[in-house]
Amino acid sequence: MITARPKMILFDYGGTLLCEPEWDMLRGEKALFEHIVSNPHHYTPEELCSWEKEYMLFSIKDMLTAVQDDLFRIVLMCLFR
């Protein structure tokens, strides 16, 4: 039983500090759901995993679009200075 709250919790699953080659999002969600005390909306690990995958894909596409836009602006600035 945890008696004191941690001062900080660090989440990094982007490959910066931790690389987990056999990472399985659904397996992680199932392990997490074993410790959930209340689930008033009755979400399943599969639903959560599906939403996370959609969010991650959407975020990556947005990030790539932003990088492409920035690179295009830089090229234009260099060409027309």
PDB file of N, CA and C in Angstrom:
ATOM      1  N   MET A   1       0.825  -1.173   0.000  1.00  0.00           N
ATOM      2  CA  MET A   1       0.000   0.000   0.000  1.00  0.00           C
ATOM      3  C   MET A   1       0.879   1.250   0.000  1.00  0.00           C
ATOM      4  N   ILE A   2       0.548   2.221  -0.859  1.00  0.00           N
ATOM      5  CA  ILE A   2       1.307   3.460  -0.948  1.00  0.00           C
ATOM      6  C   ILE A   2       0.881   4.377   0.199  1.00  0.00           C
ATOM      7  N   THR A   3       1.857   4.831   0.982  1.00  0.00           N
ATOM      8  CA  THR A   3       1.545   5.695   2.122  1.00  0.00           C
ATOM      9  C   THR A   3       1.848   7.160   1.834  1.00  0.00           C
ATOM     10  N   ALA A   4       2.684   7.445   0.844  1.00  0.00           N
ATOM     11  CA  ALA A   4       3.024   8.826   0.494  1.00  0.00           C
ATOM     12  C   ALA A   4       2.888   9.021  -1.016  1.00  0.00           C
ATOM     13  N   ARG A   5       2.455  10.191  -1.387  1.00  0.00           N
ATOM     14  CA  ARG A   5       2.329  10.488  -2.813  1.00  0.00           C
ATOM     15  C   ARG A   5       3.701  10.796  -3.393  1.00  0.00           C
ATOM     16  N   PRO A   6       3.948  10.367  -4.604  1.00  0.00           N
ATOM     17  CA  PRO A   6       5.237  10.692  -5.224  1.00  0.00           C
ATOM     18  C   PRO A   6       5.307  12.186  -5.543  1.00  0.00           C
ATOM     19  N   LYS A   7       6.498  12.747  -5.544  1.00  0.00           N
ATOM     20  CA  LYS A   7       6.673  14.154  -5.889  1.00  0.00           C
ATOM     21  C   LYS A   7       6.517  14.370  -7.388  1.00  0.00           C
ATOM     22  N   MET A   8       6.820  13.330  -8.170  1.00  0.00           N
ATOM     23  CA  MET A   8       6.731  13.458  -9.613  1.00  0.00           C
ATOM     24  C   MET A   8       6.567  12.068 -10.226  1.00  0.00           C
ATOM     25  N   ILE A   9       5.862  12.017 -11.336  1.00  0.00           N
ATOM     26  CA  ILE A   9       5.751  10.788 -12.119  1.00  0.00           C
ATOM     27  C   ILE A   9       6.191  11.136 -13.534  1.00  0.00           C
ATOM     28  N   LEU A  10       7.131  10.404 -14.068  1.00  0.00           N
ATOM     29  CA  LEU A  10       7.657  10.661 -15.397  1.00  0.00           C
ATOM     30  C   LEU A  10       7.129   9.608 -16.360  1.00  0.00           C
ATOM     31  N   PHE A  11       6.447  10.065 -17.406  1.00  0.00           N
ATOM     32  CA  PHE A  11       5.963   9.175 -18.452  1.00  0.00           C
ATOM     33  C   PHE A  11       6.774   9.456 -19.708  1.00  0.00           C
ATOM     34  N   ASP A  12       7.457   8.457 -20.206  1.00  0.00           N
ATOM     35  CA  ASP A  12       8.213   8.639 -21.442  1.00  0.00           C
ATOM     36  C   ASP A  12       8.216   7.329 -22.212  1.00  0.00           C
ATOM     37  N   TYR A  13       7.287   7.196 -23.115  1.00  0.00           N
ATOM     38  CA  TYR A  13       7.271   6.024 -23.978  1.00  0.00           C
ATOM     39  C   TYR A  13       7.440   6.454 -25.421  1.00  0.00           C
ATOM     40  N   GLY A  14       8.246   7.487 -25.632  1.00  0.00           N
ATOM     41  CA  GLY A  14       8.486   7.967 -26.981  1.00  0.00           C
ATOM     42  C   GLY A  14       9.842   7.545 -27.503  1.00  0.00           C
ATOM     43  N   GLY A  15      10.525   6.675 -26.795  1.00  0.00           N
ATOM     44  CA  GLY A  15      11.833   6.221 -27.242  1.00  0.00           C
ATOM     45  C   GLY A  15      12.960   7.142 -26.802  1.00  0.00           C
ATOM     46  N   THR A  16      12.667   8.175 -26.013  1.00  0.00           N
ATOM     47  CA  THR A  16      13.687   9.105 -25.560  1.00  0.00           C
ATOM     48  C   THR A  16      14.523   8.500 -24.439  1.00  0.00           C
ATOM     49  N   LEU A  17      13.860   8.046 -23.404  1.00  0.00           N
ATOM     50  CA  LEU A  17      14.560   7.453 -22.268  1.00  0.00           C
ATOM     51  C   LEU A  17      14.440   5.938 -22.226  1.00  0.00           C
ATOM     52  N   LEU A  18      13.412   5.427 -22.853  1.00  0.00           N
ATOM     53  CA  LEU A  18      13.124   4.003 -22.756  1.00  0.00           C
ATOM     54  C   LEU A  18      12.782   3.444 -24.130  1.00  0.00           C
ATOM     55  N   CYS A  19      13.374   2.334 -24.457  1.00  0.00           N
ATOM     56  CA  CYS A  19      13.036   1.647 -25.706  1.00  0.00           C
ATOM     57  C   CYS A  19      12.521   0.266 -25.330  1.00  0.00           C
ATOM     58  N   GLU A  20      11.323  -0.037 -25.763  1.00  0.00           N
ATOM     59  CA  GLU A  20      10.698  -1.312 -25.419  1.00  0.00           C
ATOM     60  C   GLU A  20      10.275  -2.008 -26.714  1.00  0.00           C
ATOM     61  N   PRO A  21      11.160  -2.831 -27.295  1.00  0.00           N
ATOM     62  CA  PRO A  21      10.884  -3.433 -28.605  1.00  0.00           C
ATOM     63  C   PRO A  21       9.625  -4.295 -28.666  1.00  0.00           C
ATOM     64  N   GLU A  22       9.276  -4.958 -27.586  1.00  0.00           N
ATOM     65  CA  GLU A  22       8.101  -5.830 -27.598  1.00  0.00           C
ATOM     66  C   GLU A  22       6.893  -5.142 -26.965  1.00  0.00           C
ATOM     67  N   TRP A  23       6.836  -3.817 -27.071  1.00  0.00           N
ATOM     68  CA  TRP A  23       5.768  -3.031 -26.457  1.00  0.00           C
ATOM     69  C   TRP A  23       4.429  -3.407 -27.070  1.00  0.00           C
ATOM     70  N   ASP A  24       3.467  -3.651 -26.204  1.00  0.00           N
ATOM     71  CA  ASP A  24       2.124  -4.041 -26.626  1.00  0.00           C
ATOM     72  C   ASP A  24       1.128  -3.185 -25.846  1.00  0.00           C
ATOM     73  N   MET A  25       0.533  -2.210 -26.511  1.00  0.00           N
ATOM     74  CA  MET A  25      -0.361  -1.268 -25.848  1.00  0.00           C
ATOM     75  C   MET A  25      -1.530  -1.971 -25.166  1.00  0.00           C
ATOM     76  N   LEU A  26      -2.148  -2.928 -25.838  1.00  0.00           N
ATOM     77  CA  LEU A  26      -3.300  -3.613 -25.276  1.00  0.00           C
ATOM     78  C   LEU A  26      -2.918  -4.407 -24.026  1.00  0.00           C
ATOM     79  N   ARG A  27      -1.776  -5.059 -24.058  1.00  0.00           N
ATOM     80  CA  ARG A  27      -1.312  -5.803 -22.882  1.00  0.00           C
ATOM     81  C   ARG A  27      -1.129  -4.854 -21.694  1.00  0.00           C
ATOM     82  N   GLY A  28      -0.620  -3.660 -21.969  1.00  0.00           N
ATOM     83  CA  GLY A  28      -0.459  -2.658 -20.914  1.00  0.00           C
ATOM     84  C   GLY A  28      -1.790  -2.182 -20.364  1.00  0.00           C
ATOM     85  N   GLU A  29      -2.755  -1.956 -21.260  1.00  0.00           N
ATOM     86  CA  GLU A  29      -4.082  -1.515 -20.812  1.00  0.00           C
ATOM     87  C   GLU A  29      -4.748  -2.589 -19.949  1.00  0.00           C
ATOM     88  N   LYS A  30      -4.620  -3.832 -20.353  1.00  0.00           N
ATOM     89  CA  LYS A  30      -5.213  -4.921 -19.566  1.00  0.00           C
ATOM     90  C   LYS A  30      -4.589  -4.990 -18.175  1.00  0.00           C
ATOM     91  N   ALA A  31      -3.279  -4.785 -18.090  1.00  0.00           N
ATOM     92  CA  ALA A  31      -2.602  -4.798 -16.789  1.00  0.00           C
ATOM     93  C   ALA A  31      -3.061  -3.614 -15.940  1.00  0.00           C
ATOM     94  N   LEU A  32      -3.238  -2.461 -16.570  1.00  0.00           N
ATOM     95  CA  LEU A  32      -3.711  -1.281 -15.854  1.00  0.00           C
ATOM     96  C   LEU A  32      -5.136  -1.470 -15.343  1.00  0.00           C
ATOM     97  N   PHE A  33      -5.992  -2.054 -16.160  1.00  0.00           N
ATOM     98  CA  PHE A  33      -7.395  -2.240 -15.791  1.00  0.00           C
ATOM     99  C   PHE A  33      -7.568  -3.171 -14.590  1.00  0.00           C
ATOM    100  N   GLU A  34      -6.587  -4.004 -14.300  1.00  0.00           N
ATOM    101  CA  GLU A  34      -6.657  -4.867 -13.126  1.00  0.00           C
ATOM    102  C   GLU A  34      -6.642  -4.050 -11.835  1.00  0.00           C
ATOM    103  N   HIS A  35      -6.173  -2.795 -11.903  1.00  0.00           N
ATOM    104  CA  HIS A  35      -6.030  -1.954 -10.714  1.00  0.00           C
ATOM    105  C   HIS A  35      -7.056  -0.828 -10.649  1.00  0.00           C
ATOM    106  N   ILE A  36      -7.935  -0.740 -11.636  1.00  0.00           N
ATOM    107  CA  ILE A  36      -8.939   0.322 -11.644  1.00  0.00           C
ATOM    108  C   ILE A  36     -10.021  -0.005 -10.624  1.00  0.00           C
ATOM    109  N   VAL A  37     -10.298   0.974  -9.771  1.00  0.00           N
ATOM    110  CA  VAL A  37     -11.281   0.789  -8.710  1.00  0.00           C
ATOM    111  C   VAL A  37     -12.684   1.114  -9.212  1.00  0.00           C
ATOM    112  N   SER A  38     -12.808   2.146 -10.063  1.00  0.00           N
ATOM    113  CA  SER A  38     -14.117   2.572 -10.536  1.00  0.00           C
ATOM    114  C   SER A  38     -14.051   2.820 -12.040  1.00  0.00           C
ATOM    115  N   ASN A  39     -15.030   2.297 -12.762  1.00  0.00           N
ATOM    116  CA  ASN A  39     -15.112   2.475 -14.210  1.00  0.00           C
ATOM    117  C   ASN A  39     -16.579   2.746 -14.556  1.00  0.00           C
ATOM    118  N   PRO A  40     -17.073   3.964 -14.214  1.00  0.00           N
ATOM    119  CA  PRO A  40     -18.509   4.236 -14.350  1.00  0.00           C
ATOM    120  C   PRO A  40     -19.040   4.155 -15.782  1.00  0.00           C
ATOM    121  N   HIS A  41     -18.160   4.334 -16.767  1.00  0.00           N
ATOM    122  CA  HIS A  41     -18.598   4.272 -18.166  1.00  0.00           C
ATOM    123  C   HIS A  41     -18.390   2.878 -18.773  1.00  0.00           C
ATOM    124  N   HIS A  42     -17.847   1.979 -17.981  1.00  0.00           N
ATOM    125  CA  HIS A  42     -17.641   0.584 -18.385  1.00  0.00           C
ATOM    126  C   HIS A  42     -16.770   0.453 -19.640  1.00  0.00           C
ATOM    127  N   TYR A  43     -15.737   1.313 -19.728  1.00  0.00           N
ATOM    128  CA  TYR A  43     -14.806   1.209 -20.849  1.00  0.00           C
ATOM    129  C   TYR A  43     -13.992  -0.069 -20.716  1.00  0.00           C
ATOM    130  N   THR A  44     -13.600  -0.617 -21.840  1.00  0.00           N
ATOM    131  CA  THR A  44     -12.777  -1.829 -21.848  1.00  0.00           C
ATOM    132  C   THR A  44     -11.348  -1.460 -22.230  1.00  0.00           C
ATOM    133  N   PRO A  45     -10.406  -2.319 -21.914  1.00  0.00           N
ATOM    134  CA  PRO A  45      -9.029  -2.071 -22.357  1.00  0.00           C
ATOM    135  C   PRO A  45      -8.942  -1.945 -23.881  1.00  0.00           C
ATOM    136  N   GLU A  46      -9.751  -2.724 -24.588  1.00  0.00           N
ATOM    137  CA  GLU A  46      -9.735  -2.685 -26.055  1.00  0.00           C
ATOM    138  C   GLU A  46     -10.205  -1.326 -26.583  1.00  0.00           C
ATOM    139  N   GLU A  47     -11.256  -0.772 -25.942  1.00  0.00           N
ATOM    140  CA  GLU A  47     -11.746   0.551 -26.371  1.00  0.00           C
ATOM    141  C   GLU A  47     -10.687   1.624 -26.135  1.00  0.00           C
ATOM    142  N   LEU A  48     -10.099   1.604 -24.948  1.00  0.00           N
ATOM    143  CA  LEU A  48      -9.081   2.592 -24.623  1.00  0.00           C
ATOM    144  C   LEU A  48      -7.889   2.481 -25.570  1.00  0.00           C
ATOM    145  N   CYS A  49      -7.467   1.282 -25.833  1.00  0.00           N
ATOM    146  CA  CYS A  49      -6.335   1.042 -26.730  1.00  0.00           C
ATOM    147  C   CYS A  49      -6.649   1.561 -28.139  1.00  0.00           C
ATOM    148  N   SER A  50      -7.855   1.326 -28.609  1.00  0.00           N
ATOM    149  CA  SER A  50      -8.270   1.790 -29.932  1.00  0.00           C
ATOM    150  C   SER A  50      -8.236   3.310 -30.009  1.00  0.00           C
ATOM    151  N   TRP A  51      -8.752   3.971 -28.972  1.00  0.00           N
ATOM    152  CA  TRP A  51      -8.753   5.441 -28.957  1.00  0.00           C
ATOM    153  C   TRP A  51      -7.333   5.986 -28.914  1.00  0.00           C
ATOM    154  N   GLU A  52      -6.481   5.343 -28.130  1.00  0.00           N
ATOM    155  CA  GLU A  52      -5.091   5.797 -28.032  1.00  0.00           C
ATOM    156  C   GLU A  52      -4.381   5.656 -29.371  1.00  0.00           C
ATOM    157  N   LYS A  53      -4.599   4.550 -30.059  1.00  0.00           N
ATOM    158  CA  LYS A  53      -3.957   4.357 -31.367  1.00  0.00           C
ATOM    159  C   LYS A  53      -4.431   5.415 -32.364  1.00  0.00           C
ATOM    160  N   GLU A  54      -5.739   5.731 -32.362  1.00  0.00           N
ATOM    161  CA  GLU A  54      -6.257   6.763 -33.250  1.00  0.00           C
ATOM    162  C   GLU A  54      -5.643   8.115 -32.912  1.00  0.00           C
ATOM    163  N   TYR A  55      -5.553   8.431 -31.622  1.00  0.00           N
ATOM    164  CA  TYR A  55      -4.980   9.706 -31.190  1.00  0.00           C
ATOM    165  C   TYR A  55      -3.516   9.795 -31.598  1.00  0.00           C
ATOM    166  N   MET A  56      -2.767   8.717 -31.374  1.00  0.00           N
ATOM    167  CA  MET A  56      -1.351   8.720 -31.727  1.00  0.00           C
ATOM    168  C   MET A  56      -1.167   8.914 -33.221  1.00  0.00           C
ATOM    169  N   LEU A  57      -1.957   8.240 -34.039  1.00  0.00           N
ATOM    170  CA  LEU A  57      -1.852   8.371 -35.480  1.00  0.00           C
ATOM    171  C   LEU A  57      -2.202   9.788 -35.906  1.00  0.00           C
ATOM    172  N   PHE A  58      -3.260  10.351 -35.327  1.00  0.00           N
ATOM    173  CA  PHE A  58      -3.679  11.707 -35.644  1.00  0.00           C
ATOM    174  C   PHE A  58      -2.591  12.697 -35.245  1.00  0.00           C
ATOM    175  N   SER A  59      -2.004  12.523 -34.066  1.00  0.00           N
ATOM    176  CA  SER A  59      -0.963  13.427 -33.577  1.00  0.00           C
ATOM    177  C   SER A  59       0.278  13.363 -34.449  1.00  0.00           C
ATOM    178  N   ILE A  60       0.662  12.175 -34.878  1.00  0.00           N
ATOM    179  CA  ILE A  60       1.844  12.024 -35.730  1.00  0.00           C
ATOM    180  C   ILE A  60       1.612  12.709 -37.067  1.00  0.00           C
ATOM    181  N   LYS A  61       0.419  12.534 -37.645  1.00  0.00           N
ATOM    182  CA  LYS A  61       0.115  13.196 -38.917  1.00  0.00           C
ATOM    183  C   LYS A  61       0.172  14.714 -38.766  1.00  0.00           C
ATOM    184  N   ASP A  62      -0.397  15.243 -37.666  1.00  0.00           N
ATOM    185  CA  ASP A  62      -0.352  16.686 -37.415  1.00  0.00           C
ATOM    186  C   ASP A  62       1.080  17.172 -37.270  1.00  0.00           C
ATOM    187  N   MET A  63       1.899  16.404 -36.540  1.00  0.00           N
ATOM    188  CA  MET A  63       3.278  16.789 -36.332  1.00  0.00           C
ATOM    189  C   MET A  63       4.042  16.819 -37.654  1.00  0.00           C
ATOM    190  N   LEU A  64       3.851  15.798 -38.486  1.00  0.00           N
ATOM    191  CA  LEU A  64       4.535  15.756 -39.772  1.00  0.00           C
ATOM    192  C   LEU A  64       4.096  16.899 -40.673  1.00  0.00           C
ATOM    193  N   THR A  65       2.813  17.228 -40.652  1.00  0.00           N
ATOM    194  CA  THR A  65       2.310  18.343 -41.441  1.00  0.00           C
ATOM    195  C   THR A  65       2.950  19.644 -40.976  1.00  0.00           C
ATOM    196  N   ALA A  66       3.049  19.843 -39.673  1.00  0.00           N
ATOM    197  CA  ALA A  66       3.659  21.055 -39.130  1.00  0.00           C
ATOM    198  C   ALA A  66       5.126  21.153 -39.527  1.00  0.00           C
ATOM    199  N   VAL A  67       5.846  20.040 -39.471  1.00  0.00           N
ATOM    200  CA  VAL A  67       7.260  20.026 -39.859  1.00  0.00           C
ATOM    201  C   VAL A  67       7.389  20.363 -41.340  1.00  0.00           C
ATOM    202  N   GLN A  68       6.543  19.774 -42.177  1.00  0.00           N
ATOM    203  CA  GLN A  68       6.582  20.073 -43.606  1.00  0.00           C
ATOM    204  C   GLN A  68       6.303  21.542 -43.865  1.00  0.00           C
ATOM    205  N   ASP A  69       5.312  22.109 -43.157  1.00  0.00           N
ATOM    206  CA  ASP A  69       4.990  23.529 -43.313  1.00  0.00           C
ATOM    207  C   ASP A  69       6.174  24.395 -42.906  1.00  0.00           C
ATOM    208  N   ASP A  70       6.827  24.057 -41.800  1.00  0.00           N
ATOM    209  CA  ASP A  70       7.987  24.829 -41.342  1.00  0.00           C
ATOM    210  C   ASP A  70       9.128  24.742 -42.342  1.00  0.00           C
ATOM    211  N   LEU A  71       9.383  23.553 -42.855  1.00  0.00           N
ATOM    212  CA  LEU A  71      10.451  23.398 -43.843  1.00  0.00           C
ATOM    213  C   LEU A  71      10.150  24.196 -45.104  1.00  0.00           C
ATOM    214  N   PHE A  72       8.903  24.189 -45.539  1.00  0.00           N
ATOM    215  CA  PHE A  72       8.503  24.950 -46.728  1.00  0.00           C
ATOM    216  C   PHE A  72       8.733  26.442 -46.497  1.00  0.00           C
ATOM    217  N   ARG A  73       8.364  26.948 -45.317  1.00  0.00           N
ATOM    218  CA  ARG A  73       8.579  28.369 -44.999  1.00  0.00           C
ATOM    219  C   ARG A  73      10.062  28.711 -44.989  1.00  0.00           C
ATOM    220  N   ILE A  74      10.869  27.823 -44.427  1.00  0.00           N
ATOM    221  CA  ILE A  74      12.321  28.058 -44.370  1.00  0.00           C
ATOM    222  C   ILE A  74      12.892  28.117 -45.777  1.00  0.00           C
ATOM    223  N   VAL A  75      12.476  27.191 -46.631  1.00  0.00           N
ATOM    224  CA  VAL A  75      12.958  27.180 -48.023  1.00  0.00           C
ATOM    225  C   VAL A  75      12.564  28.472 -48.714  1.00  0.00           C
ATOM    226  N   LEU A  76      11.304  28.904 -48.558  1.00  0.00           N
ATOM    227  CA  LEU A  76      10.868  30.149 -49.179  1.00  0.00           C
ATOM    228  C   LEU A  76      11.653  31.341 -48.668  1.00  0.00           C
ATOM    229  N   MET A  77      11.898  31.368 -47.366  1.00  0.00           N
ATOM    230  CA  MET A  77      12.683  32.487 -46.789  1.00  0.00           C
ATOM    231  C   MET A  77      14.088  32.516 -47.384  1.00  0.00           C
ATOM    232  N   CYS A  78      14.699  31.349 -47.545  1.00  0.00           N
ATOM    233  CA  CYS A  78      16.051  31.282 -48.108  1.00  0.00           C
ATOM    234  C   CYS A  78      16.066  31.690 -49.568  1.00  0.00           C
ATOM    235  N   LEU A  79      15.051  31.320 -50.300  1.00  0.00           N
ATOM    236  CA  LEU A  79      14.997  31.639 -51.731  1.00  0.00           C
ATOM    237  C   LEU A  79      14.758  33.119 -52.001  1.00  0.00           C
ATOM    238  N   PHE A  80      13.974  33.762 -51.149  1.00  0.00           N
ATOM    239  CA  PHE A  80      13.555  35.123 -51.447  1.00  0.00           C
ATOM    240  C   PHE A  80      14.153  36.171 -50.514  1.00  0.00           C
ATOM    241  N   ARG A  81      15.262  35.871 -49.890  1.00  0.00           N
ATOM    242  CA  ARG A  81      15.949  36.858 -49.054  1.00  0.00           C
ATOM    243  C   ARG A  81      16.892  37.678 -49.848  1.00  0.00           C
TER     244      ARG A  81
END
